Protein backbone atom coordinates (compact mmCIF):
# COMPACT_ATOMS: atom_id res chain seq x y z
CA MET A 1 -122.04 29.19 -88.83
CA ARG A 2 -118.55 28.86 -90.30
CA ASP A 3 -117.63 27.05 -87.07
CA LYS A 4 -120.31 24.53 -88.01
CA ILE A 5 -118.58 24.01 -91.37
CA THR A 6 -115.27 23.42 -89.61
CA ILE A 7 -116.91 20.78 -87.43
CA LEU A 8 -118.49 19.22 -90.53
CA LYS A 9 -115.11 18.97 -92.27
CA GLU A 10 -113.56 17.45 -89.16
CA ASN A 11 -116.40 14.94 -88.91
CA LEU A 12 -115.91 13.82 -92.52
CA ALA A 13 -112.15 13.59 -91.99
CA ARG A 14 -112.75 10.98 -89.28
CA THR A 15 -113.71 8.45 -91.97
CA ILE A 16 -112.09 9.91 -95.11
CA VAL A 17 -108.29 9.97 -94.78
CA GLY A 18 -106.21 12.69 -96.40
CA LYS A 19 -108.76 14.04 -98.89
CA GLU A 20 -109.12 17.62 -97.68
CA ASP A 21 -109.65 19.12 -101.15
CA ALA A 22 -112.26 16.47 -102.05
CA ILE A 23 -114.14 17.11 -98.79
CA LYS A 24 -113.98 20.85 -99.44
CA LEU A 25 -115.32 20.43 -102.99
CA VAL A 26 -118.22 18.25 -101.88
CA ILE A 27 -119.19 20.77 -99.19
CA VAL A 28 -118.93 23.57 -101.77
CA ALA A 29 -121.32 21.66 -104.05
CA LEU A 30 -123.75 21.13 -101.16
CA LEU A 31 -123.72 24.75 -99.97
CA SER A 32 -124.06 26.13 -103.49
CA GLY A 33 -127.22 24.07 -104.02
CA GLY A 34 -125.61 21.88 -106.69
CA HIS A 35 -124.65 18.23 -107.06
CA ALA A 36 -121.38 16.31 -107.26
CA LEU A 37 -120.07 13.70 -109.72
CA LEU A 38 -117.27 11.45 -108.45
CA GLU A 39 -115.35 9.87 -111.31
CA ASP A 40 -112.95 7.30 -109.93
CA VAL A 41 -112.02 3.64 -109.79
CA PRO A 42 -113.80 1.36 -107.27
CA GLY A 43 -112.70 1.20 -103.67
CA VAL A 44 -111.31 4.69 -103.08
CA GLY A 45 -114.07 5.89 -100.71
CA LYS A 46 -116.79 7.41 -102.90
CA THR A 47 -119.67 5.65 -101.13
CA LEU A 48 -118.01 6.21 -97.75
CA LEU A 49 -117.88 9.95 -98.40
CA ALA A 50 -121.58 10.10 -99.35
CA LYS A 51 -122.68 8.09 -96.30
CA SER A 52 -120.48 10.10 -93.95
CA LEU A 53 -121.97 13.35 -95.25
CA ALA A 54 -125.52 12.06 -94.76
CA ARG A 55 -124.73 11.00 -91.18
CA SER A 56 -123.05 14.34 -90.44
CA ILE A 57 -126.05 16.46 -91.48
CA ASP A 58 -128.59 14.04 -89.98
CA GLY A 59 -130.26 13.74 -93.36
CA LYS A 60 -132.19 10.94 -95.02
CA PHE A 61 -129.77 8.87 -97.10
CA GLN A 62 -130.77 6.72 -100.04
CA ARG A 63 -128.61 4.71 -102.40
CA ILE A 64 -129.36 3.56 -105.93
CA GLN A 65 -127.13 0.88 -107.39
CA CYS A 66 -127.48 1.55 -111.10
CA THR A 67 -127.81 -1.40 -113.47
CA PRO A 68 -129.00 -1.70 -117.08
CA ASP A 69 -132.37 -3.11 -115.95
CA LEU A 70 -133.06 -0.20 -113.55
CA LEU A 71 -136.30 1.62 -114.50
CA PRO A 72 -137.11 5.32 -114.10
CA SER A 73 -139.87 4.40 -111.62
CA ASP A 74 -137.23 2.63 -109.51
CA VAL A 75 -135.70 6.08 -109.00
CA THR A 76 -138.67 8.42 -108.81
CA GLY A 77 -141.45 6.18 -107.48
CA THR A 78 -144.78 5.21 -109.02
CA ASN A 79 -148.52 5.10 -108.45
CA ILE A 80 -149.88 1.76 -107.25
CA TRP A 81 -153.48 0.59 -106.98
CA ASN A 82 -154.88 0.21 -103.46
CA PRO A 83 -157.77 -2.30 -103.57
CA SER A 84 -159.11 -1.25 -100.16
CA THR A 85 -159.51 2.43 -101.07
CA ARG A 86 -160.01 1.74 -104.80
CA GLU A 87 -157.60 4.58 -105.55
CA PHE A 88 -154.06 4.95 -106.79
CA GLU A 89 -151.50 5.81 -104.14
CA PHE A 90 -148.04 7.22 -104.75
CA LEU A 91 -145.16 5.03 -103.57
CA SER A 92 -142.13 7.31 -103.35
CA GLY A 93 -138.79 6.17 -104.76
CA PRO A 94 -135.30 6.62 -103.33
CA ALA A 95 -135.02 10.07 -104.94
CA PHE A 96 -137.08 11.42 -102.03
CA ALA A 97 -134.05 11.88 -99.80
CA ASN A 98 -131.68 14.58 -98.60
CA ILE A 99 -128.54 12.79 -99.81
CA LEU A 100 -129.01 10.55 -102.85
CA LEU A 101 -126.11 8.36 -103.91
CA THR A 102 -126.45 7.06 -107.47
CA ASP A 103 -123.70 4.49 -107.64
CA GLU A 104 -122.20 3.74 -111.07
CA ILE A 105 -124.69 6.05 -112.76
CA ASN A 106 -123.28 5.26 -116.20
CA ARG A 107 -124.52 1.67 -115.87
CA ALA A 108 -128.13 2.86 -116.03
CA THR A 109 -129.79 3.27 -119.43
CA PRO A 110 -130.22 6.79 -120.85
CA ARG A 111 -133.96 6.59 -120.12
CA THR A 112 -133.28 5.97 -116.43
CA GLN A 113 -130.50 8.55 -116.31
CA SER A 114 -132.94 11.13 -117.69
CA SER A 115 -135.31 10.49 -114.75
CA LEU A 116 -132.82 12.43 -112.62
CA LEU A 117 -132.75 15.52 -114.83
CA GLU A 118 -135.90 17.17 -113.48
CA VAL A 119 -135.24 16.48 -109.80
CA MET A 120 -131.61 17.65 -109.98
CA GLU A 121 -132.60 20.96 -111.54
CA GLU A 122 -136.02 21.73 -110.07
CA LYS A 123 -136.01 19.67 -106.84
CA GLN A 124 -139.28 18.05 -107.86
CA ILE A 125 -140.50 14.84 -109.49
CA THR A 126 -143.46 14.61 -111.86
CA VAL A 127 -145.30 11.28 -112.02
CA ASP A 128 -148.53 10.94 -114.03
CA GLY A 129 -148.77 14.71 -114.34
CA VAL A 130 -148.47 15.41 -110.60
CA ALA A 131 -145.39 17.26 -109.36
CA ARG A 132 -144.04 16.36 -105.93
CA PHE A 133 -141.20 18.20 -104.21
CA VAL A 134 -138.32 16.25 -102.72
CA PRO A 135 -137.04 17.08 -99.21
CA SER A 136 -134.79 20.09 -98.69
CA PRO A 137 -131.88 20.22 -98.84
CA PHE A 138 -131.52 17.80 -101.75
CA PHE A 139 -128.06 16.72 -102.83
CA VAL A 140 -127.06 14.11 -105.41
CA ILE A 141 -123.68 12.39 -105.34
CA ALA A 142 -123.23 10.27 -108.45
CA THR A 143 -120.29 7.96 -109.09
CA GLN A 144 -118.93 6.42 -112.24
CA ASN A 145 -115.91 4.30 -113.09
CA PRO A 146 -113.90 6.10 -115.82
CA ILE A 147 -111.88 2.99 -116.66
CA GLU A 148 -114.37 0.15 -117.16
CA TYR A 149 -116.70 0.83 -120.10
CA GLN A 150 -118.24 -2.61 -120.73
CA GLY A 151 -121.99 -2.47 -120.15
CA THR A 152 -122.07 1.29 -119.56
CA PHE A 153 -123.96 4.19 -121.13
CA PRO A 154 -122.00 7.48 -121.26
CA LEU A 155 -123.75 10.38 -119.57
CA PRO A 156 -125.18 12.84 -122.12
CA GLU A 157 -123.97 16.43 -122.04
CA ALA A 158 -127.32 17.63 -120.67
CA GLN A 159 -126.89 15.41 -117.62
CA MET A 160 -123.21 16.22 -117.11
CA ASP A 161 -124.19 19.88 -117.09
CA ARG A 162 -126.46 19.27 -114.07
CA PHE A 163 -123.51 18.50 -111.83
CA ALA A 164 -121.99 21.55 -110.16
CA ILE A 165 -118.68 19.81 -109.53
CA SER A 166 -116.86 16.78 -110.90
CA LEU A 167 -113.99 15.39 -108.87
CA SER A 168 -111.78 12.39 -108.31
CA LEU A 169 -110.65 11.14 -104.90
CA GLY A 170 -107.62 9.34 -106.30
CA TYR A 171 -105.47 6.75 -104.59
CA PRO A 172 -104.15 7.63 -101.12
CA SER A 173 -100.48 8.32 -100.57
CA PHE A 174 -98.30 5.77 -98.75
CA GLU A 175 -98.70 7.62 -95.44
CA GLU A 176 -102.46 8.06 -95.91
CA GLU A 177 -102.94 4.36 -96.64
CA LEU A 178 -100.98 3.46 -93.50
CA GLN A 179 -103.16 5.85 -91.51
CA MET A 180 -106.25 4.21 -93.04
CA LEU A 181 -105.11 0.80 -91.76
CA GLU A 182 -104.43 2.22 -88.29
CA ARG A 183 -107.88 3.80 -88.16
CA GLN A 184 -109.43 0.52 -89.23
CA LEU A 185 -108.26 -1.02 -85.96
CA ASN A 186 -109.37 1.64 -83.51
CA SER A 187 -111.24 4.48 -85.16
CA THR A 188 -114.82 5.56 -85.64
CA SER A 189 -117.04 3.78 -88.16
CA ILE A 190 -119.76 5.51 -90.15
CA ASN A 191 -122.48 4.24 -87.79
CA GLU A 192 -120.67 5.88 -84.87
CA LEU A 193 -120.51 9.30 -86.52
CA SER A 194 -122.68 11.84 -84.73
CA PRO A 195 -124.68 14.50 -86.62
CA CYS A 196 -122.86 17.80 -86.28
CA ILE A 197 -125.16 20.07 -88.27
CA THR A 198 -128.92 20.05 -88.82
CA LEU A 199 -130.78 20.19 -92.12
CA ALA A 200 -132.16 23.61 -91.14
CA GLU A 201 -128.61 24.87 -90.58
CA VAL A 202 -127.55 23.55 -93.99
CA MET A 203 -130.36 25.52 -95.62
CA ASP A 204 -129.40 28.58 -93.57
CA LEU A 205 -125.81 28.21 -94.78
CA GLN A 206 -127.01 27.99 -98.38
CA THR A 207 -128.86 31.28 -97.88
CA GLN A 208 -125.78 32.95 -96.37
CA VAL A 209 -123.59 31.66 -99.22
CA SER A 210 -125.89 33.30 -101.77
CA ARG A 211 -125.20 36.68 -100.09
CA VAL A 212 -121.42 36.52 -100.56
CA LYS A 213 -120.33 39.51 -102.65
CA VAL A 214 -119.03 39.06 -106.19
CA ALA A 215 -117.38 42.19 -107.62
CA PRO A 216 -118.06 43.20 -111.26
CA GLU A 217 -114.39 42.53 -112.04
CA ILE A 218 -114.76 38.94 -110.81
CA GLN A 219 -117.92 38.49 -112.89
CA LYS A 220 -116.09 39.76 -115.97
CA TYR A 221 -113.27 37.31 -115.28
CA ILE A 222 -115.79 34.44 -115.10
CA VAL A 223 -117.46 35.46 -118.36
CA ASN A 224 -114.11 35.93 -120.12
CA LEU A 225 -113.05 32.46 -118.99
CA ILE A 226 -116.28 30.89 -120.24
CA THR A 227 -116.12 32.82 -123.53
CA ALA A 228 -112.56 31.60 -124.07
CA SER A 229 -113.78 28.01 -123.78
CA ARG A 230 -116.26 28.63 -126.60
CA ASN A 231 -113.65 30.10 -128.94
CA ASP A 232 -110.78 27.67 -128.36
CA ASP A 233 -109.61 25.48 -131.25
CA ASP A 234 -108.97 22.59 -128.85
CA ILE A 235 -112.61 22.56 -127.70
CA THR A 236 -115.51 21.22 -129.77
CA LEU A 237 -118.23 22.36 -127.35
CA GLY A 238 -117.65 25.15 -124.85
CA VAL A 239 -119.15 25.74 -121.41
CA SER A 240 -122.88 26.50 -121.23
CA PRO A 241 -124.45 29.54 -119.52
CA ARG A 242 -125.45 27.18 -116.71
CA GLY A 243 -121.74 26.61 -116.16
CA THR A 244 -121.22 30.37 -115.90
CA SER A 245 -123.86 30.62 -113.19
CA ILE A 246 -122.57 27.60 -111.27
CA LEU A 247 -118.99 28.84 -111.33
CA GLN A 248 -120.15 32.01 -109.57
CA LYS A 249 -122.32 30.09 -107.05
CA THR A 250 -119.55 27.65 -106.15
CA SER A 251 -117.02 30.48 -105.82
CA GLN A 252 -119.36 32.14 -103.31
CA ALA A 253 -119.51 28.89 -101.33
CA LEU A 254 -115.72 28.50 -101.38
CA ALA A 255 -115.22 32.09 -100.23
CA PHE A 256 -117.63 31.45 -97.36
CA LEU A 257 -115.74 28.30 -96.40
CA GLU A 258 -112.51 30.30 -96.36
CA GLY A 259 -114.01 32.86 -94.00
CA ARG A 260 -114.63 35.68 -96.49
CA ASP A 261 -117.81 37.48 -97.53
CA TYR A 262 -116.39 38.25 -100.98
CA VAL A 263 -114.97 36.22 -103.88
CA ILE A 264 -111.37 36.58 -105.07
CA PRO A 265 -109.78 35.35 -108.35
CA ASP A 266 -108.05 32.48 -106.54
CA ASP A 267 -111.49 31.03 -105.74
CA ILE A 268 -112.26 30.87 -109.45
CA LYS A 269 -108.88 29.36 -110.27
CA PHE A 270 -109.24 26.66 -107.61
CA LEU A 271 -112.73 25.65 -108.74
CA ALA A 272 -112.49 26.01 -112.53
CA PRO A 273 -110.94 22.57 -113.24
CA ASN A 274 -113.69 20.82 -111.24
CA VAL A 275 -116.57 23.03 -112.41
CA LEU A 276 -115.75 23.44 -116.10
CA SER A 277 -113.87 20.32 -117.25
CA HIS A 278 -116.91 18.02 -117.41
CA ARG A 279 -118.97 20.68 -119.23
CA LEU A 280 -116.81 20.98 -122.33
CA ILE A 281 -116.00 18.53 -125.11
CA PRO A 282 -112.31 18.59 -126.06
CA ALA A 283 -111.35 18.17 -129.69
CA GLY A 284 -109.25 15.22 -130.81
CA GLY A 285 -109.33 13.36 -127.51
CA ARG A 286 -107.49 16.08 -125.61
CA ASN A 287 -107.57 16.29 -121.83
CA ALA A 288 -110.23 18.71 -120.59
CA LYS A 289 -108.45 19.64 -117.34
CA VAL A 290 -105.25 20.43 -119.22
CA ILE A 291 -107.23 22.76 -121.49
CA VAL A 292 -108.89 24.48 -118.52
CA ALA A 293 -105.47 24.95 -116.89
CA ARG A 294 -104.23 26.59 -120.10
CA LEU A 295 -107.26 28.91 -120.20
CA LEU A 296 -106.59 29.94 -116.60
CA ASN A 297 -103.04 30.86 -117.59
CA THR A 298 -104.10 32.87 -120.64
CA VAL A 299 -107.25 34.68 -119.45
CA ALA A 300 -106.23 37.69 -117.39
CA VAL A 301 -108.04 39.15 -114.39
CA GLU A 302 -109.12 42.68 -115.25
């Protein structure tokens, strides 16, 4: 099954140039059963990455372009009246997908943003008192522009906490941008990507990831790291217990990707900036990733 992951990474690399760590982090989020938040400027490949992943796993892909007039029912679906049957019928929304891209999520109103809370956590949507499960696997990739704030609504902490991983693709290097132009002339487009892994295999991989061993010493290291975030003078709000759980789950996924059936401290150190930074509120406008890096340097592995 790890060979399947290798093929998946190679498939994504056919359209995404030079972003090995970003591809790895997105796959880690998928295999750990979480979701990913891409915070970056427009045009760096966020949508391309989401579409390429959907094509690679042969999953149903849906995209929501968030705007201030977007309604919760535009995301979840709604009941409509059928005159012929004289009954209400449920018309499913785009959230009923395997890969859901919510583009510029911070442009949706808080009411619409909150419509994603239940489905991201419980994999179900409740409309008019009836709960309906979304397809499995279910994976949300949300994007937001961290630079342009006009007409946006900042994500509340409760919603930020739902994302397993937050990452930034960043601008390509000079060589990577040249390679991108070369590929544009003669390489594979998204529509030409072939599925390399089935939905059933993704779910099987998620099950295998959950069996990766985590030693008590590693668990203590995770808890000590989280506790340090709650007692730091540079942090107004520390990491939640959900963050503790997700850091362990994502470390299991990363260990599996690296060919191990056990987690090592380096897995935690690699993931911590992307798993913890968006879950804490720094004091005085400080940089969250800088604080997490400092905690990693001060909290010892027992």
